[in-house]
Amino acid sequence: MFEPNYKLEQTNVNLGAVKAVGPCSITNQVYTTKEFSLEDFKDWSNSNKPIQNTGLSSLSDDDREFLISGMSPKAFNELDNN
């Protein structure tokens, strides 16, 4: 349905932390997630587990949705209200 188009930017080399930054798949406005573990991201992206059942469960619903679909909170709310 929606194709994420973000890049992972390293934020803390010692902790293996990254954040996802990229344009929203609907609004094209840049969105940035909070910091998360690169290892947790790899584990999720290489599995069939729901994101909330992985090490990424500590991210907000908005940040997890952005990782899954590339949709920012603003776009998701606009779709939900229509």
Protein backbone atom coordinates (compact mmCIF):
# COMPACT_ATOMS: atom_id res chain seq x y z
CA MET A 1 0.00 0.00 0.00
CA PHE A 2 2.57 2.58 1.13
CA GLU A 3 6.28 2.26 0.58
CA PRO A 4 8.62 3.64 3.25
CA ASN A 5 11.41 5.81 1.89
CA TYR A 6 13.50 6.64 4.94
CA LYS A 7 17.17 6.29 5.72
CA LEU A 8 18.70 5.19 8.99
CA GLU A 9 21.02 7.79 10.46
CA GLN A 10 23.56 6.77 13.07
CA THR A 11 23.14 8.71 16.31
CA ASN A 12 25.37 6.88 18.78
CA VAL A 13 28.12 4.63 17.45
CA ASN A 14 28.97 3.13 20.85
CA LEU A 15 25.35 2.11 21.53
CA GLY A 16 24.51 1.10 17.96
CA ALA A 17 21.69 3.63 17.96
CA VAL A 18 20.00 5.05 14.86
CA LYS A 19 16.93 7.06 13.90
CA ALA A 20 14.82 6.88 10.75
CA VAL A 21 14.61 10.08 8.70
CA GLY A 22 12.73 10.56 5.47
CA PRO A 23 9.72 11.92 3.62
CA CYS A 24 6.24 10.86 4.61
CA SER A 25 4.76 8.58 1.95
CA ILE A 26 1.61 10.76 1.86
CA THR A 27 2.57 14.38 2.65
CA ASN A 28 6.20 14.21 1.50
CA GLN A 29 7.16 16.19 4.64
CA VAL A 30 10.28 14.96 6.41
CA TYR A 31 9.69 12.98 9.60
CA THR A 32 12.28 11.80 12.13
CA THR A 33 11.78 9.03 14.67
CA LYS A 34 13.26 8.82 18.11
CA GLU A 35 16.52 6.91 18.53
CA PHE A 36 16.40 3.09 18.51
CA SER A 37 18.72 0.12 18.34
CA LEU A 38 19.99 -0.87 14.89
CA GLU A 39 20.11 -4.51 16.03
CA ASP A 40 16.43 -4.35 17.05
CA PHE A 41 15.59 -2.87 13.65
CA LYS A 42 17.47 -5.64 11.84
CA ASP A 43 15.80 -8.31 13.96
CA TRP A 44 12.36 -6.88 13.12
CA SER A 45 13.02 -6.32 9.41
CA ASN A 46 14.36 -9.86 8.99
CA SER A 47 11.43 -11.53 10.73
CA ASN A 48 7.68 -11.94 10.41
CA LYS A 49 7.07 -10.64 13.91
CA PRO A 50 4.74 -7.68 14.46
CA ILE A 51 6.85 -4.63 15.28
CA GLN A 52 5.22 -4.28 18.71
CA ASN A 53 6.50 -7.77 19.61
CA THR A 54 10.14 -6.84 19.02
CA GLY A 55 12.78 -4.68 20.67
CA LEU A 56 11.18 -1.74 18.86
CA SER A 57 8.11 -1.93 21.10
CA SER A 58 9.48 0.98 23.16
CA LEU A 59 9.03 3.34 20.20
CA SER A 60 5.85 5.40 20.04
CA ASP A 61 2.94 4.18 17.91
CA ASP A 62 3.72 7.05 15.51
CA ASP A 63 7.37 6.04 15.11
CA ARG A 64 6.48 2.37 14.60
CA GLU A 65 3.89 3.31 11.95
CA PHE A 66 6.51 5.39 10.14
CA LEU A 67 8.89 2.41 10.09
CA ILE A 68 6.15 0.11 8.77
CA SER A 69 4.42 2.30 6.19
CA GLY A 70 6.44 5.50 5.85
CA MET A 71 3.43 7.52 7.03
CA SER A 72 3.95 10.39 9.44
CA PRO A 73 1.54 10.95 12.34
CA LYS A 74 0.01 13.92 10.50
CA ALA A 75 -0.77 11.84 7.41
CA PHE A 76 -2.09 8.92 9.45
CA ASN A 77 -4.43 11.22 11.39
CA GLU A 78 -5.66 12.86 8.19
CA LEU A 79 -6.46 9.44 6.66
CA ASP A 80 -8.14 8.33 9.88
CA ASN A 81 -10.39 11.43 9.94
CA ASN A 82 -11.69 10.97 6.39
